[in-house]
Amino acid sequence: MKILIYTQLFTPEHGAGAIRLHNTANQLIDAGHEVQVVCPTPNYPLGRTYDGYKTWQLYKKEVRPNGVVIHRFPTYPATGKSFKRLLNFIVFNLSSLLALIKVKDKPDLIFMNSGPLTLGFNALLFKFIWKSELCLFVADLWPKAVDEVNSPLKKIIISILAKFEKLMYKKSNYVLCATDELKKNIDTKVSNKVSHVSPNGVDTTFFDPNSID
């Protein structure tokens, strides 16, 4: 199967989200699938572009040794809970529309990592144009996560995202979530959508429970 991971976070960025998706891509490759990743120029959690990358480079393609193909698009480097962080999301949303041109091998399945939920606007567009299935992985309680952002536009943003959140659940072919709490939250909002819990795993080649040092 041809799978495209659409995410705001990916290695070499640090943090649970980037590492989880890095390992997900590798496991899918090991299972015999073709994997592409659409993500921004790395900037999180530093709030600045990583060394070796250019902030406003329109497009950068990487092919990792195991075959994972990465399509990177620019964003506004930012971190924390501020309007700049929202700008970080918005700029990547706009720039990653170029994936419609740059991704030549249309995927069978789009695996979208949320948050931010704002990626869903493009994910639904990709799904429609590429005729792909969409799997939504929910890692945050959106739009509750936006409630922590200090912005004068916060109330308007939350209202729009709350409605869009329900639409995303309805339009996704599959819904996965990281915890039981997230599953309960989703099930109360969309009664006819079955969600499944997919908790964080562990690399047993690195952490061996039978080996005590």
Protein backbone atom coordinates (compact mmCIF):
# COMPACT_ATOMS: atom_id res chain seq x y z
CA MET A 1 0.00 0.00 0.00
CA LYS A 2 1.13 3.57 -0.71
CA ILE A 3 0.83 5.62 2.49
CA LEU A 4 1.37 9.35 2.96
CA ILE A 5 1.91 10.71 6.47
CA TYR A 6 0.77 14.32 6.79
CA THR A 7 2.15 15.94 9.92
CA GLN A 8 3.33 19.17 11.55
CA LEU A 9 6.12 17.27 13.35
CA PHE A 10 8.79 14.88 12.11
CA THR A 11 12.39 14.01 12.85
CA PRO A 12 15.00 15.45 13.19
CA GLU A 13 12.62 17.43 15.44
CA HIS A 14 12.48 16.30 19.06
CA GLY A 15 9.46 15.29 21.10
CA ALA A 16 6.94 12.49 21.35
CA GLY A 17 5.00 13.36 18.19
CA ALA A 18 8.02 13.51 15.88
CA ILE A 19 9.55 10.33 17.28
CA ARG A 20 6.23 8.43 17.17
CA LEU A 21 5.72 9.28 13.50
CA HIS A 22 9.35 8.53 12.66
CA ASN A 23 8.91 5.05 14.12
CA THR A 24 5.50 4.64 12.47
CA ALA A 25 7.04 5.37 9.06
CA ASN A 26 9.85 2.89 9.68
CA GLN A 27 7.46 0.15 10.84
CA LEU A 28 5.28 0.65 7.76
CA ILE A 29 8.35 0.34 5.52
CA ASP A 30 9.34 -2.85 7.35
CA ALA A 31 5.82 -4.19 6.73
CA GLY A 32 6.29 -3.73 2.98
CA HIS A 33 4.43 -0.46 2.38
CA GLU A 34 5.64 2.57 0.43
CA VAL A 35 5.80 5.61 2.71
CA GLN A 36 5.95 9.32 1.98
CA VAL A 37 5.87 12.13 4.56
CA VAL A 38 4.65 15.70 4.05
CA CYS A 39 5.97 17.92 6.83
CA PRO A 40 7.47 21.38 7.47
CA THR A 41 11.08 22.50 7.59
CA PRO A 42 12.19 21.33 11.07
CA ASN A 43 11.90 24.06 13.72
CA TYR A 44 10.24 22.52 16.80
CA PRO A 45 10.79 22.78 19.75
CA LEU A 46 13.65 25.24 19.19
CA GLY A 47 11.53 27.91 17.56
CA ARG A 48 14.15 28.33 14.84
CA THR A 49 15.08 26.45 11.69
CA TYR A 50 17.43 23.53 12.26
CA ASP A 51 20.98 23.66 10.96
CA GLY A 52 21.29 22.36 7.43
CA TYR A 53 17.88 23.68 6.38
CA LYS A 54 16.74 27.00 4.88
CA THR A 55 13.69 28.64 6.48
CA TRP A 56 11.97 29.78 3.30
CA GLN A 57 13.12 27.10 0.89
CA LEU A 58 9.96 26.40 -1.08
CA TYR A 59 10.48 22.64 -1.29
CA LYS A 60 13.02 20.08 -0.16
CA LYS A 61 12.90 16.35 -0.88
CA GLU A 62 14.74 13.80 1.24
CA VAL A 63 15.00 10.06 0.74
CA ARG A 64 16.13 8.14 3.81
CA PRO A 65 18.18 4.94 3.53
CA ASN A 66 15.20 2.68 4.27
CA GLY A 67 13.13 4.28 1.50
CA VAL A 68 10.98 6.81 3.41
CA VAL A 69 10.46 9.81 1.10
CA ILE A 70 10.08 13.16 2.87
CA HIS A 71 8.57 16.25 1.26
CA ARG A 72 9.35 19.39 3.28
CA PHE A 73 7.62 22.74 2.90
CA PRO A 74 8.37 26.05 4.66
CA THR A 75 6.73 27.43 7.77
CA TYR A 76 7.19 30.31 10.18
CA PRO A 77 9.53 29.03 12.94
CA ALA A 78 7.87 29.36 16.34
CA THR A 79 7.29 27.55 19.60
CA GLY A 80 5.27 27.98 22.79
CA LYS A 81 1.66 29.13 23.14
CA SER A 82 1.32 32.37 21.22
CA PHE A 83 -0.06 33.87 18.05
CA LYS A 84 3.30 33.12 16.42
CA ARG A 85 2.67 29.43 17.00
CA LEU A 86 -0.70 29.71 15.25
CA LEU A 87 1.11 31.48 12.42
CA ASN A 88 3.45 28.49 12.30
CA PHE A 89 0.43 26.22 11.67
CA ILE A 90 -1.18 28.54 9.11
CA VAL A 91 1.97 29.05 7.02
CA PHE A 92 2.58 25.30 6.78
CA ASN A 93 -1.07 24.76 5.86
CA LEU A 94 -0.63 27.10 2.93
CA SER A 95 2.83 25.96 1.81
CA SER A 96 2.00 22.25 2.00
CA LEU A 97 -0.70 22.70 -0.63
CA LEU A 98 2.25 22.36 -3.00
CA ALA A 99 2.18 18.66 -2.15
CA LEU A 100 -0.53 18.40 -4.80
CA ILE A 101 2.18 19.20 -7.34
CA LYS A 102 5.28 17.73 -5.72
CA VAL A 103 3.89 14.34 -4.65
CA LYS A 104 3.92 12.42 -7.92
CA ASP A 105 2.97 9.01 -6.51
CA LYS A 106 -0.61 9.37 -5.29
CA PRO A 107 -1.21 7.56 -1.98
CA ASP A 108 -3.83 4.93 -1.26
CA LEU A 109 -4.06 6.17 2.33
CA ILE A 110 -3.39 9.53 3.97
CA PHE A 111 -2.37 9.22 7.62
CA MET A 112 -2.93 12.64 9.19
CA ASN A 113 -1.46 13.39 12.59
CA SER A 114 -3.54 15.83 14.63
CA GLY A 115 -2.70 18.29 16.17
CA PRO A 116 -2.92 20.64 14.81
CA LEU A 117 -6.44 20.03 13.58
CA THR A 118 -5.90 22.79 11.01
CA LEU A 119 -4.08 20.26 8.84
CA GLY A 120 -7.47 18.71 8.24
CA PHE A 121 -8.45 21.37 5.70
CA ASN A 122 -5.69 20.18 3.39
CA ALA A 123 -6.11 16.51 4.31
CA LEU A 124 -9.71 16.56 3.11
CA LEU A 125 -8.64 18.31 -0.10
CA PHE A 126 -5.88 15.72 -0.68
CA LYS A 127 -8.39 12.93 -0.01
CA PHE A 128 -10.80 14.33 -2.60
CA ILE A 129 -8.25 15.04 -5.34
CA TRP A 130 -6.16 11.90 -4.88
CA LYS A 131 -9.20 9.67 -4.24
CA SER A 132 -7.42 8.32 -1.15
CA GLU A 133 -8.72 7.00 2.14
CA LEU A 134 -8.06 9.12 5.23
CA CYS A 135 -6.92 7.88 8.63
CA LEU A 136 -7.01 10.56 11.34
CA PHE A 137 -4.71 10.07 14.32
CA VAL A 138 -5.76 12.27 17.25
CA ALA A 139 -2.96 13.10 19.67
CA ASP A 140 -4.47 16.21 21.30
CA LEU A 141 -7.88 17.38 22.49
CA TRP A 142 -8.53 19.95 19.78
CA PRO A 143 -9.81 22.63 19.91
CA LYS A 144 -9.10 22.50 23.67
CA ALA A 145 -5.41 22.80 22.87
CA VAL A 146 -6.10 26.16 21.21
CA ASP A 147 -7.79 27.37 24.39
CA GLU A 148 -4.34 27.60 25.96
CA VAL A 149 -3.08 29.95 23.24
CA ASN A 150 -3.10 33.65 24.10
CA SER A 151 -4.71 35.41 21.13
CA PRO A 152 -7.48 38.02 20.71
CA LEU A 153 -8.94 35.79 17.99
CA LYS A 154 -9.12 32.78 20.31
CA LYS A 155 -12.93 32.59 20.68
CA ILE A 156 -13.52 32.81 16.94
CA ILE A 157 -10.82 30.23 16.23
CA ILE A 158 -12.21 27.80 18.83
CA SER A 159 -15.75 28.10 17.46
CA ILE A 160 -14.62 27.37 13.90
CA LEU A 161 -12.37 24.48 14.91
CA ALA A 162 -15.05 22.88 17.11
CA LYS A 163 -17.35 22.57 14.09
CA PHE A 164 -14.53 21.48 11.83
CA GLU A 165 -13.43 18.87 14.37
CA LYS A 166 -16.76 17.05 14.03
CA LEU A 167 -16.55 17.26 10.25
CA MET A 168 -13.09 15.67 10.30
CA TYR A 169 -14.32 12.74 12.35
CA LYS A 170 -17.24 12.20 9.98
CA LYS A 171 -15.19 12.44 6.79
CA SER A 172 -12.29 10.26 7.94
CA ASN A 173 -12.39 6.61 6.93
CA TYR A 174 -10.60 5.63 10.14
CA VAL A 175 -10.05 7.41 13.46
CA LEU A 176 -7.24 6.47 15.83
CA CYS A 177 -6.42 8.16 19.14
CA ALA A 178 -3.57 7.93 21.60
CA THR A 179 -5.50 7.49 24.87
CA ASP A 180 -8.82 6.24 26.29
CA GLU A 181 -9.65 9.84 27.29
CA LEU A 182 -9.39 10.97 23.68
CA LYS A 183 -11.58 8.07 22.54
CA LYS A 184 -14.30 9.04 25.04
CA ASN A 185 -14.14 12.64 23.84
CA ILE A 186 -14.51 11.60 20.18
CA ASP A 187 -17.31 9.12 20.86
CA THR A 188 -19.40 11.81 22.58
CA LYS A 189 -19.13 14.10 19.56
CA VAL A 190 -19.69 11.64 16.72
CA SER A 191 -21.92 8.76 17.73
CA ASN A 192 -21.76 6.88 14.43
CA LYS A 193 -17.96 6.88 14.12
CA VAL A 194 -15.97 4.04 15.65
CA SER A 195 -12.64 5.22 17.04
CA HIS A 196 -9.79 3.01 18.16
CA VAL A 197 -7.07 3.54 20.76
CA SER A 198 -3.50 3.25 19.46
CA PRO A 199 -1.24 4.01 22.43
CA ASN A 200 2.41 4.94 22.22
CA GLY A 201 4.65 1.91 21.88
CA VAL A 202 8.23 1.14 22.75
CA ASP A 203 11.22 0.09 20.68
CA THR A 204 12.07 -3.30 22.17
CA THR A 205 15.36 -3.37 20.25
CA PHE A 206 16.44 -0.41 22.37
CA PHE A 207 14.57 -1.08 25.63
CA ASP A 208 14.88 -4.72 26.68
CA PRO A 209 12.72 -5.52 29.73
CA ASN A 210 14.67 -8.73 30.28
CA SER A 211 17.99 -6.96 30.48
CA ILE A 212 18.72 -5.30 33.83
CA ASP A 213 21.93 -3.34 33.96
